PDB file of N, CA and C in Angstrom:
ATOM      1  N   MET A   1     -18.509  18.780   1.803  1.00  0.00           N
ATOM      2  CA  MET A   1     -17.227  19.274   1.347  1.00  0.00           C
ATOM      3  C   MET A   1     -17.443  20.025   0.035  1.00  0.00           C
ATOM      4  N   ASN A   2     -16.869  21.207  -0.045  1.00  0.00           N
ATOM      5  CA  ASN A   2     -17.069  21.999  -1.250  1.00  0.00           C
ATOM      6  C   ASN A   2     -16.071  21.617  -2.346  1.00  0.00           C
ATOM      7  N   SER A   3     -16.273  22.174  -3.524  1.00  0.00           N
ATOM      8  CA  SER A   3     -15.476  21.815  -4.694  1.00  0.00           C
ATOM      9  C   SER A   3     -14.000  22.179  -4.537  1.00  0.00           C
ATOM     10  N   VAL A   4     -13.721  23.290  -3.899  1.00  0.00           N
ATOM     11  CA  VAL A   4     -12.329  23.714  -3.709  1.00  0.00           C
ATOM     12  C   VAL A   4     -11.583  22.731  -2.802  1.00  0.00           C
ATOM     13  N   GLU A   5     -12.240  22.296  -1.743  1.00  0.00           N
ATOM     14  CA  GLU A   5     -11.620  21.318  -0.843  1.00  0.00           C
ATOM     15  C   GLU A   5     -11.368  19.999  -1.562  1.00  0.00           C
ATOM     16  N   LYS A   6     -12.341  19.546  -2.363  1.00  0.00           N
ATOM     17  CA  LYS A   6     -12.160  18.313  -3.119  1.00  0.00           C
ATOM     18  C   LYS A   6     -11.011  18.440  -4.117  1.00  0.00           C
ATOM     19  N   LEU A   7     -10.890  19.593  -4.729  1.00  0.00           N
ATOM     20  CA  LEU A   7      -9.802  19.822  -5.690  1.00  0.00           C
ATOM     21  C   LEU A   7      -8.446  19.763  -4.992  1.00  0.00           C
ATOM     22  N   LYS A   8      -8.345  20.356  -3.822  1.00  0.00           N
ATOM     23  CA  LYS A   8      -7.090  20.315  -3.063  1.00  0.00           C
ATOM     24  C   LYS A   8      -6.742  18.881  -2.661  1.00  0.00           C
ATOM     25  N   LEU A   9      -7.738  18.134  -2.192  1.00  0.00           N
ATOM     26  CA  LEU A   9      -7.500  16.753  -1.793  1.00  0.00           C
ATOM     27  C   LEU A   9      -7.117  15.878  -2.995  1.00  0.00           C
ATOM     28  N   THR A  10      -7.761  16.114  -4.121  1.00  0.00           N
ATOM     29  CA  THR A  10      -7.434  15.367  -5.333  1.00  0.00           C
ATOM     30  C   THR A  10      -6.012  15.667  -5.779  1.00  0.00           C
ATOM     31  N   SER A  11      -5.612  16.913  -5.685  1.00  0.00           N
ATOM     32  CA  SER A  11      -4.245  17.293  -6.034  1.00  0.00           C
ATOM     33  C   SER A  11      -3.231  16.598  -5.124  1.00  0.00           C
ATOM     34  N   GLU A  12      -3.526  16.569  -3.834  1.00  0.00           N
ATOM     35  CA  GLU A  12      -2.649  15.879  -2.882  1.00  0.00           C
ATOM     36  C   GLU A  12      -2.602  14.383  -3.192  1.00  0.00           C
ATOM     37  N   LEU A  13      -3.747  13.810  -3.525  1.00  0.00           N
ATOM     38  CA  LEU A  13      -3.807  12.394  -3.858  1.00  0.00           C
ATOM     39  C   LEU A  13      -2.926  12.078  -5.062  1.00  0.00           C
ATOM     40  N   ARG A  14      -2.981  12.898  -6.077  1.00  0.00           N
ATOM     41  CA  ARG A  14      -2.147  12.688  -7.279  1.00  0.00           C
ATOM     42  C   ARG A  14      -0.659  12.774  -6.950  1.00  0.00           C
ATOM     43  N   LYS A  15      -0.297  13.724  -6.108  1.00  0.00           N
ATOM     44  CA  LYS A  15       1.110  13.859  -5.716  1.00  0.00           C
ATOM     45  C   LYS A  15       1.585  12.624  -4.964  1.00  0.00           C
ATOM     46  N   ILE A  16       0.736  12.115  -4.077  1.00  0.00           N
ATOM     47  CA  ILE A  16       1.101  10.924  -3.304  1.00  0.00           C
ATOM     48  C   ILE A  16       1.262   9.720  -4.225  1.00  0.00           C
ATOM     49  N   ILE A  17       0.347   9.547  -5.148  1.00  0.00           N
ATOM     50  CA  ILE A  17       0.428   8.412  -6.076  1.00  0.00           C
ATOM     51  C   ILE A  17       1.708   8.494  -6.898  1.00  0.00           C
ATOM     52  N   ASP A  18       2.093   9.689  -7.310  1.00  0.00           N
ATOM     53  CA  ASP A  18       3.335   9.861  -8.071  1.00  0.00           C
ATOM     54  C   ASP A  18       4.572   9.564  -7.233  1.00  0.00           C
ATOM     55  N   GLN A  19       4.496   9.771  -5.923  1.00  0.00           N
ATOM     56  CA  GLN A  19       5.640   9.554  -5.031  1.00  0.00           C
ATOM     57  C   GLN A  19       5.857   8.092  -4.682  1.00  0.00           C
ATOM     58  N   ILE A  20       4.827   7.279  -4.748  1.00  0.00           N
ATOM     59  CA  ILE A  20       4.893   5.904  -4.241  1.00  0.00           C
ATOM     60  C   ILE A  20       6.104   5.121  -4.754  1.00  0.00           C
ATOM     61  N   PRO A  21       6.431   5.152  -6.042  1.00  0.00           N
ATOM     62  CA  PRO A  21       7.575   4.346  -6.492  1.00  0.00           C
ATOM     63  C   PRO A  21       8.923   4.761  -5.879  1.00  0.00           C
ATOM     64  N   ASP A  22       9.057   6.010  -5.465  1.00  0.00           N
ATOM     65  CA  ASP A  22      10.331   6.517  -4.974  1.00  0.00           C
ATOM     66  C   ASP A  22      10.479   6.480  -3.459  1.00  0.00           C
ATOM     67  N   VAL A  23       9.424   6.113  -2.759  1.00  0.00           N
ATOM     68  CA  VAL A  23       9.423   6.177  -1.294  1.00  0.00           C
ATOM     69  C   VAL A  23       9.798   4.821  -0.716  1.00  0.00           C
ATOM     70  N   LYS A  24      10.518   4.853   0.403  1.00  0.00           N
ATOM     71  CA  LYS A  24      10.953   3.611   1.052  1.00  0.00           C
ATOM     72  C   LYS A  24      10.643   3.659   2.547  1.00  0.00           C
ATOM     73  N   GLY A  25      10.586   2.481   3.143  1.00  0.00           N
ATOM     74  CA  GLY A  25      10.501   2.358   4.597  1.00  0.00           C
ATOM     75  C   GLY A  25       9.253   2.943   5.222  1.00  0.00           C
ATOM     76  N   MET A  26       9.485   3.591   6.362  1.00  0.00           N
ATOM     77  CA  MET A  26       8.370   4.146   7.149  1.00  0.00           C
ATOM     78  C   MET A  26       7.619   5.235   6.389  1.00  0.00           C
ATOM     79  N   GLU A  27       8.323   5.945   5.534  1.00  0.00           N
ATOM     80  CA  GLU A  27       7.646   6.992   4.764  1.00  0.00           C
ATOM     81  C   GLU A  27       6.571   6.378   3.865  1.00  0.00           C
ATOM     82  N   LYS A  28       6.839   5.177   3.333  1.00  0.00           N
ATOM     83  CA  LYS A  28       5.853   4.491   2.502  1.00  0.00           C
ATOM     84  C   LYS A  28       4.622   4.133   3.328  1.00  0.00           C
ATOM     85  N   LEU A  29       4.845   3.713   4.551  1.00  0.00           N
ATOM     86  CA  LEU A  29       3.730   3.388   5.445  1.00  0.00           C
ATOM     87  C   LEU A  29       2.885   4.633   5.714  1.00  0.00           C
ATOM     88  N   ASN A  30       3.544   5.748   5.997  1.00  0.00           N
ATOM     89  CA  ASN A  30       2.820   6.992   6.250  1.00  0.00           C
ATOM     90  C   ASN A  30       2.050   7.449   5.019  1.00  0.00           C
ATOM     91  N   ILE A  31       2.650   7.282   3.853  1.00  0.00           N
ATOM     92  CA  ILE A  31       1.974   7.666   2.613  1.00  0.00           C
ATOM     93  C   ILE A  31       0.754   6.790   2.383  1.00  0.00           C
ATOM     94  N   SER A  32       0.874   5.489   2.658  1.00  0.00           N
ATOM     95  CA  SER A  32      -0.275   4.601   2.441  1.00  0.00           C
ATOM     96  C   SER A  32      -1.421   4.954   3.388  1.00  0.00           C
ATOM     97  N   LYS A  33      -1.077   5.338   4.607  1.00  0.00           N
ATOM     98  CA  LYS A  33      -2.124   5.759   5.546  1.00  0.00           C
ATOM     99  C   LYS A  33      -2.813   7.030   5.053  1.00  0.00           C
ATOM    100  N   ARG A  34      -2.023   7.987   4.583  1.00  0.00           N
ATOM    101  CA  ARG A  34      -2.605   9.234   4.078  1.00  0.00           C
ATOM    102  C   ARG A  34      -3.439   8.962   2.831  1.00  0.00           C
ATOM    103  N   LEU A  35      -2.991   8.032   2.006  1.00  0.00           N
ATOM    104  CA  LEU A  35      -3.725   7.661   0.808  1.00  0.00           C
ATOM    105  C   LEU A  35      -5.119   7.150   1.176  1.00  0.00           C
ATOM    106  N   ARG A  36      -5.184   6.286   2.177  1.00  0.00           N
ATOM    107  CA  ARG A  36      -6.488   5.784   2.647  1.00  0.00           C
ATOM    108  C   ARG A  36      -7.359   6.923   3.165  1.00  0.00           C
ATOM    109  N   GLU A  37      -6.745   7.835   3.929  1.00  0.00           N
ATOM    110  CA  GLU A  37      -7.508   8.967   4.463  1.00  0.00           C
ATOM    111  C   GLU A  37      -8.106   9.808   3.339  1.00  0.00           C
ATOM    112  N   LEU A  38      -7.294  10.072   2.313  1.00  0.00           N
ATOM    113  CA  LEU A  38      -7.781  10.876   1.194  1.00  0.00           C
ATOM    114  C   LEU A  38      -8.915  10.182   0.453  1.00  0.00           C
ATOM    115  N   ILE A  39      -8.794   8.886   0.285  1.00  0.00           N
ATOM    116  CA  ILE A  39      -9.855   8.143  -0.397  1.00  0.00           C
ATOM    117  C   ILE A  39     -11.153   8.224   0.398  1.00  0.00           C
ATOM    118  N   VAL A  40     -11.050   8.084   1.699  1.00  0.00           N
ATOM    119  CA  VAL A  40     -12.249   8.187   2.550  1.00  0.00           C
ATOM    120  C   VAL A  40     -12.853   9.582   2.432  1.00  0.00           C
ATOM    121  N   LEU A  41     -12.019  10.603   2.500  1.00  0.00           N
ATOM    122  CA  LEU A  41     -12.526  11.976   2.425  1.00  0.00           C
ATOM    123  C   LEU A  41     -13.175  12.274   1.073  1.00  0.00           C
ATOM    124  N   LEU A  42     -12.560  11.788   0.003  1.00  0.00           N
ATOM    125  CA  LEU A  42     -13.063  12.102  -1.332  1.00  0.00           C
ATOM    126  C   LEU A  42     -14.291  11.284  -1.723  1.00  0.00           C
ATOM    127  N   THR A  43     -14.404  10.085  -1.203  1.00  0.00           N
ATOM    128  CA  THR A  43     -15.533   9.231  -1.585  1.00  0.00           C
ATOM    129  C   THR A  43     -16.637   9.209  -0.546  1.00  0.00           C
ATOM    130  N   ASP A  44     -16.359   9.780   0.616  1.00  0.00           N
ATOM    131  CA  ASP A  44     -17.308   9.755   1.729  1.00  0.00           C
ATOM    132  C   ASP A  44     -17.676   8.327   2.116  1.00  0.00           C
ATOM    133  N   LYS A  45     -16.736   7.395   1.875  1.00  0.00           N
ATOM    134  CA  LYS A  45     -16.951   5.999   2.236  1.00  0.00           C
ATOM    135  C   LYS A  45     -15.819   5.555   3.147  1.00  0.00           C
ATOM    136  N   SER A  46     -16.126   4.659   4.019  1.00  0.00           N
ATOM    137  CA  SER A  46     -15.114   4.078   4.892  1.00  0.00           C
ATOM    138  C   SER A  46     -14.337   3.021   4.112  1.00  0.00           C
ATOM    139  N   VAL A  47     -13.045   3.067   4.225  1.00  0.00           N
ATOM    140  CA  VAL A  47     -12.190   2.087   3.560  1.00  0.00           C
ATOM    141  C   VAL A  47     -11.641   1.149   4.623  1.00  0.00           C
ATOM    142  N   SER A  48     -11.965  -0.119   4.485  1.00  0.00           N
ATOM    143  CA  SER A  48     -11.444  -1.074   5.455  1.00  0.00           C
ATOM    144  C   SER A  48      -9.995  -1.394   5.107  1.00  0.00           C
ATOM    145  N   VAL A  49      -9.205  -1.613   6.108  1.00  0.00           N
ATOM    146  CA  VAL A  49      -7.789  -1.893   5.923  1.00  0.00           C
ATOM    147  C   VAL A  49      -7.618  -3.394   5.719  1.00  0.00           C
ATOM    148  N   ASN A  50      -6.936  -3.747   4.655  1.00  0.00           N
ATOM    149  CA  ASN A  50      -6.630  -5.138   4.405  1.00  0.00           C
ATOM    150  C   ASN A  50      -5.512  -5.546   5.360  1.00  0.00           C
ATOM    151  N   THR A  51      -5.838  -6.412   6.298  1.00  0.00           N
ATOM    152  CA  THR A  51      -4.874  -6.760   7.350  1.00  0.00           C
ATOM    153  C   THR A  51      -3.665  -7.505   6.810  1.00  0.00           C
ATOM    154  N   LEU A  52      -3.846  -8.293   5.764  1.00  0.00           N
ATOM    155  CA  LEU A  52      -2.716  -9.013   5.178  1.00  0.00           C
ATOM    156  C   LEU A  52      -1.719  -8.032   4.567  1.00  0.00           C
ATOM    157  N   PHE A  53      -2.218  -7.135   3.731  1.00  0.00           N
ATOM    158  CA  PHE A  53      -1.338  -6.156   3.104  1.00  0.00           C
ATOM    159  C   PHE A  53      -0.694  -5.247   4.150  1.00  0.00           C
ATOM    160  N   GLN A  54      -1.479  -4.848   5.144  1.00  0.00           N
ATOM    161  CA  GLN A  54      -0.956  -3.970   6.190  1.00  0.00           C
ATOM    162  C   GLN A  54       0.145  -4.674   6.984  1.00  0.00           C
ATOM    163  N   SER A  55      -0.027  -5.964   7.261  1.00  0.00           N
ATOM    164  CA  SER A  55       0.993  -6.686   8.021  1.00  0.00           C
ATOM    165  C   SER A  55       2.295  -6.801   7.233  1.00  0.00           C
ATOM    166  N   VAL A  56       2.202  -6.909   5.914  1.00  0.00           N
ATOM    167  CA  VAL A  56       3.400  -6.916   5.077  1.00  0.00           C
ATOM    168  C   VAL A  56       4.092  -5.563   5.172  1.00  0.00           C
ATOM    169  N   LEU A  57       3.322  -4.499   5.047  1.00  0.00           N
ATOM    170  CA  LEU A  57       3.900  -3.150   5.107  1.00  0.00           C
ATOM    171  C   LEU A  57       4.497  -2.835   6.469  1.00  0.00           C
ATOM    172  N   ASP A  58       3.901  -3.369   7.521  1.00  0.00           N
ATOM    173  CA  ASP A  58       4.403  -3.132   8.872  1.00  0.00           C
ATOM    174  C   ASP A  58       5.592  -4.014   9.218  1.00  0.00           C
ATOM    175  N   GLY A  59       5.924  -4.980   8.340  1.00  0.00           N
ATOM    176  CA  GLY A  59       7.030  -5.884   8.609  1.00  0.00           C
ATOM    177  C   GLY A  59       6.708  -6.918   9.674  1.00  0.00           C
ATOM    178  N   LYS A  60       5.431  -7.223   9.847  1.00  0.00           N
ATOM    179  CA  LYS A  60       5.012  -8.158  10.891  1.00  0.00           C
ATOM    180  C   LYS A  60       4.896  -9.596  10.376  1.00  0.00           C
ATOM    181  N   THR A  61       5.288  -9.824   9.134  1.00  0.00           N
ATOM    182  CA  THR A  61       5.212 -11.162   8.569  1.00  0.00           C
ATOM    183  C   THR A  61       6.577 -11.589   8.053  1.00  0.00           C
ATOM    184  N   ASP A  62       6.831 -12.885   8.147  1.00  0.00           N
ATOM    185  CA  ASP A  62       8.051 -13.448   7.581  1.00  0.00           C
ATOM    186  C   ASP A  62       7.780 -13.838   6.138  1.00  0.00           C
ATOM    187  N   LEU A  63       8.814 -13.764   5.325  1.00  0.00           N
ATOM    188  CA  LEU A  63       8.694 -14.122   3.919  1.00  0.00           C
ATOM    189  C   LEU A  63       8.620 -15.639   3.782  1.00  0.00           C
ATOM    190  N   THR A  64       7.467 -16.123   3.357  1.00  0.00           N
ATOM    191  CA  THR A  64       7.268 -17.553   3.131  1.00  0.00           C
ATOM    192  C   THR A  64       6.486 -17.732   1.838  1.00  0.00           C
ATOM    193  N   LEU A  65       6.495 -18.947   1.325  1.00  0.00           N
ATOM    194  CA  LEU A  65       5.689 -19.229   0.141  1.00  0.00           C
ATOM    195  C   LEU A  65       4.212 -19.063   0.442  1.00  0.00           C
ATOM    196  N   ASN A  66       3.798 -19.433   1.650  1.00  0.00           N
ATOM    197  CA  ASN A  66       2.393 -19.251   2.033  1.00  0.00           C
ATOM    198  C   ASN A  66       1.996 -17.776   2.000  1.00  0.00           C
ATOM    199  N   LEU A  67       2.892 -16.912   2.475  1.00  0.00           N
ATOM    200  CA  LEU A  67       2.594 -15.477   2.445  1.00  0.00           C
ATOM    201  C   LEU A  67       2.439 -14.991   1.011  1.00  0.00           C
ATOM    202  N   LEU A  68       3.356 -15.396   0.138  1.00  0.00           N
ATOM    203  CA  LEU A  68       3.274 -14.974  -1.267  1.00  0.00           C
ATOM    204  C   LEU A  68       1.986 -15.474  -1.923  1.00  0.00           C
ATOM    205  N   GLU A  69       1.607 -16.712  -1.636  1.00  0.00           N
ATOM    206  CA  GLU A  69       0.356 -17.257  -2.180  1.00  0.00           C
ATOM    207  C   GLU A  69      -0.853 -16.516  -1.623  1.00  0.00           C
ATOM    208  N   SER A  70      -0.825 -16.197  -0.340  1.00  0.00           N
ATOM    209  CA  SER A  70      -1.939 -15.469   0.283  1.00  0.00           C
ATOM    210  C   SER A  70      -2.102 -14.087  -0.331  1.00  0.00           C
ATOM    211  N   VAL A  71      -0.990 -13.404  -0.552  1.00  0.00           N
ATOM    212  CA  VAL A  71      -1.049 -12.073  -1.172  1.00  0.00           C
ATOM    213  C   VAL A  71      -1.581 -12.178  -2.596  1.00  0.00           C
ATOM    214  N   LYS A  72      -1.117 -13.183  -3.316  1.00  0.00           N
ATOM    215  CA  LYS A  72      -1.593 -13.386  -4.697  1.00  0.00           C
ATOM    216  C   LYS A  72      -3.099 -13.629  -4.717  1.00  0.00           C
ATOM    217  N   THR A  73      -3.576 -14.486  -3.828  1.00  0.00           N
ATOM    218  CA  THR A  73      -5.010 -14.791  -3.755  1.00  0.00           C
ATOM    219  C   THR A  73      -5.816 -13.558  -3.377  1.00  0.00           C
ATOM    220  N   GLU A  74      -5.347 -12.842  -2.362  1.00  0.00           N
ATOM    221  CA  GLU A  74      -6.048 -11.633  -1.921  1.00  0.00           C
ATOM    222  C   GLU A  74      -6.066 -10.583  -3.025  1.00  0.00           C
ATOM    223  N   ALA A  75      -4.967 -10.467  -3.750  1.00  0.00           N
ATOM    224  CA  ALA A  75      -4.889  -9.493  -4.850  1.00  0.00           C
ATOM    225  C   ALA A  75      -5.882  -9.831  -5.956  1.00  0.00           C
ATOM    226  N   SER A  76      -6.103 -11.110  -6.202  1.00  0.00           N
ATOM    227  CA  SER A  76      -7.065 -11.489  -7.237  1.00  0.00           C
ATOM    228  C   SER A  76      -8.496 -11.149  -6.826  1.00  0.00           C
ATOM    229  N   PHE A  77      -8.769 -11.189  -5.514  1.00  0.00           N
ATOM    230  CA  PHE A  77     -10.105 -10.840  -5.025  1.00  0.00           C
ATOM    231  C   PHE A  77     -10.300  -9.333  -4.883  1.00  0.00           C
ATOM    232  N   ASN A  78      -9.224  -8.618  -4.641  1.00  0.00           N
ATOM    233  CA  ASN A  78      -9.332  -7.185  -4.368  1.00  0.00           C
ATOM    234  C   ASN A  78      -8.220  -6.405  -5.075  1.00  0.00           C
ATOM    235  N   PRO A  79      -8.227  -6.378  -6.420  1.00  0.00           N
ATOM    236  CA  PRO A  79      -7.132  -5.734  -7.158  1.00  0.00           C
ATOM    237  C   PRO A  79      -7.085  -4.211  -7.020  1.00  0.00           C
ATOM    238  N   GLU A  80      -8.139  -3.597  -6.516  1.00  0.00           N
ATOM    239  CA  GLU A  80      -8.177  -2.146  -6.378  1.00  0.00           C
ATOM    240  C   GLU A  80      -7.757  -1.662  -4.996  1.00  0.00           C
ATOM    241  N   ASP A  81      -7.357  -2.565  -4.126  1.00  0.00           N
ATOM    242  CA  ASP A  81      -6.965  -2.182  -2.771  1.00  0.00           C
ATOM    243  C   ASP A  81      -5.792  -1.214  -2.827  1.00  0.00           C
ATOM    244  N   PRO A  82      -5.883  -0.072  -2.145  1.00  0.00           N
ATOM    245  CA  PRO A  82      -4.792   0.916  -2.206  1.00  0.00           C
ATOM    246  C   PRO A  82      -3.494   0.431  -1.561  1.00  0.00           C
ATOM    247  N   LEU A  83      -3.551  -0.617  -0.766  1.00  0.00           N
ATOM    248  CA  LEU A  83      -2.341  -1.146  -0.144  1.00  0.00           C
ATOM    249  C   LEU A  83      -1.681  -2.245  -0.973  1.00  0.00           C
ATOM    250  N   LEU A  84      -2.339  -2.695  -2.042  1.00  0.00           N
ATOM    251  CA  LEU A  84      -1.811  -3.803  -2.827  1.00  0.00           C
ATOM    252  C   LEU A  84      -0.441  -3.482  -3.415  1.00  0.00           C
ATOM    253  N   ILE A  85      -0.321  -2.397  -4.131  1.00  0.00           N
ATOM    254  CA  ILE A  85       0.949  -2.075  -4.791  1.00  0.00           C
ATOM    255  C   ILE A  85       2.068  -1.839  -3.776  1.00  0.00           C
ATOM    256  N   PRO A  86       1.847  -1.046  -2.723  1.00  0.00           N
ATOM    257  CA  PRO A  86       2.930  -0.915  -1.739  1.00  0.00           C
ATOM    258  C   PRO A  86       3.311  -2.244  -1.091  1.00  0.00           C
ATOM    259  N   ALA A  87       2.337  -3.120  -0.839  1.00  0.00           N
ATOM    260  CA  ALA A  87       2.632  -4.417  -0.223  1.00  0.00           C
ATOM    261  C   ALA A  87       3.436  -5.299  -1.169  1.00  0.00           C
ATOM    262  N   VAL A  88       3.095  -5.302  -2.436  1.00  0.00           N
ATOM    263  CA  VAL A  88       3.833  -6.100  -3.419  1.00  0.00           C
ATOM    264  C   VAL A  88       5.253  -5.563  -3.575  1.00  0.00           C
ATOM    265  N   LYS A  89       5.402  -4.265  -3.559  1.00  0.00           N
ATOM    266  CA  LYS A  89       6.755  -3.686  -3.642  1.00  0.00           C
ATOM    267  C   LYS A  89       7.584  -4.073  -2.417  1.00  0.00           C
ATOM    268  N   LYS A  90       6.971  -4.064  -1.258  1.00  0.00           N
ATOM    269  CA  LYS A  90       7.659  -4.470  -0.028  1.00  0.00           C
ATOM    270  C   LYS A  90       8.072  -5.939  -0.117  1.00  0.00           C
ATOM    271  N   LEU A  91       7.177  -6.791  -0.619  1.00  0.00           N
ATOM    272  CA  LEU A  91       7.510  -8.203  -0.793  1.00  0.00           C
ATOM    273  C   LEU A  91       8.652  -8.379  -1.783  1.00  0.00           C
ATOM    274  N   SER A  92       8.634  -7.590  -2.836  1.00  0.00           N
ATOM    275  CA  SER A  92       9.709  -7.643  -3.820  1.00  0.00           C
ATOM    276  C   SER A  92      11.055  -7.301  -3.186  1.00  0.00           C
ATOM    277  N   GLU A  93      11.054  -6.282  -2.334  1.00  0.00           N
ATOM    278  CA  GLU A  93      12.277  -5.911  -1.621  1.00  0.00           C
ATOM    279  C   GLU A  93      12.723  -7.035  -0.693  1.00  0.00           C
ATOM    280  N   MET A  94      11.757  -7.687  -0.029  1.00  0.00           N
ATOM    281  CA  MET A  94      12.082  -8.786   0.883  1.00  0.00           C
ATOM    282  C   MET A  94      12.700  -9.960   0.121  1.00  0.00           C
ATOM    283  N   VAL A  95      12.125 -10.278  -1.042  1.00  0.00           N
ATOM    284  CA  VAL A  95      12.647 -11.363  -1.858  1.00  0.00           C
ATOM    285  C   VAL A  95      14.053 -11.024  -2.357  1.00  0.00           C
ATOM    286  N   ALA A  96      14.238  -9.801  -2.801  1.00  0.00           N
ATOM    287  CA  ALA A  96      15.555  -9.386  -3.296  1.00  0.00           C
ATOM    288  C   ALA A  96      16.608  -9.480  -2.207  1.00  0.00           C
ATOM    289  N   SER A  97      16.253  -9.109  -0.989  1.00  0.00           N
ATOM    290  CA  SER A  97      17.220  -9.188   0.100  1.00  0.00           C
ATOM    291  C   SER A  97      17.541 -10.639   0.448  1.00  0.00           C
ATOM    292  N   GLN A  98      16.543 -11.523   0.356  1.00  0.00           N
ATOM    293  CA  GLN A  98      16.784 -12.947   0.605  1.00  0.00           C
ATOM    294  C   GLN A  98      17.672 -13.553  -0.479  1.00  0.00           C
ATOM    295  N   VAL A  99      17.478 -13.151  -1.711  1.00  0.00           N
ATOM    296  CA  VAL A  99      18.276 -13.673  -2.816  1.00  0.00           C
ATOM    297  C   VAL A  99      19.723 -13.207  -2.671  1.00  0.00           C
ATOM    298  N   SER A 100      19.908 -11.947  -2.292  1.00  0.00           N
ATOM    299  CA  SER A 100      21.284 -11.433  -2.140  1.00  0.00           C
ATOM    300  C   SER A 100      21.984 -12.063  -0.940  1.00  0.00           C
ATOM    301  N   ILE A 101      21.242 -12.430   0.087  1.00  0.00           N
ATOM    302  CA  ILE A 101      21.814 -13.095   1.248  1.00  0.00           C
ATOM    303  C   ILE A 101      22.217 -14.525   0.886  1.00  0.00           C
ATOM    304  N   GLY A 102      21.413 -15.165   0.070  1.00  0.00           N
ATOM    305  CA  GLY A 102      21.649 -16.563  -0.297  1.00  0.00           C
ATOM    306  C   GLY A 102      22.791 -16.768  -1.280  1.00  0.00           C
ATOM    307  N   THR A 103      23.247 -15.715  -1.927  1.00  0.00           N
ATOM    308  CA  THR A 103      24.327 -15.867  -2.910  1.00  0.00           C
ATOM    309  C   THR A 103      25.653 -15.435  -2.376  1.00  0.00           C
TER     310      THR A 103
END
């Protein structure tokens, strides 16, 4: 990959990172997938998908204390995972919705 291509990909990566706080739902999932793709392209390394974080983003897990503890433990082992922040934000939204339902 030449320097111009890397510069374009880096620019796209920065734009995606800036968008993450404002994105919701399926768009966040698509952005996280593109983020992984860009990291692979820019580093020439394969990025394994953290299945726990991905399952949170896909909505395939129920909100439980065990889930929150598992995410916390996984985050301590892998704080640089590109899915960590989107997964934590999704969990935060899930907790907020449970709190509003309970009141």
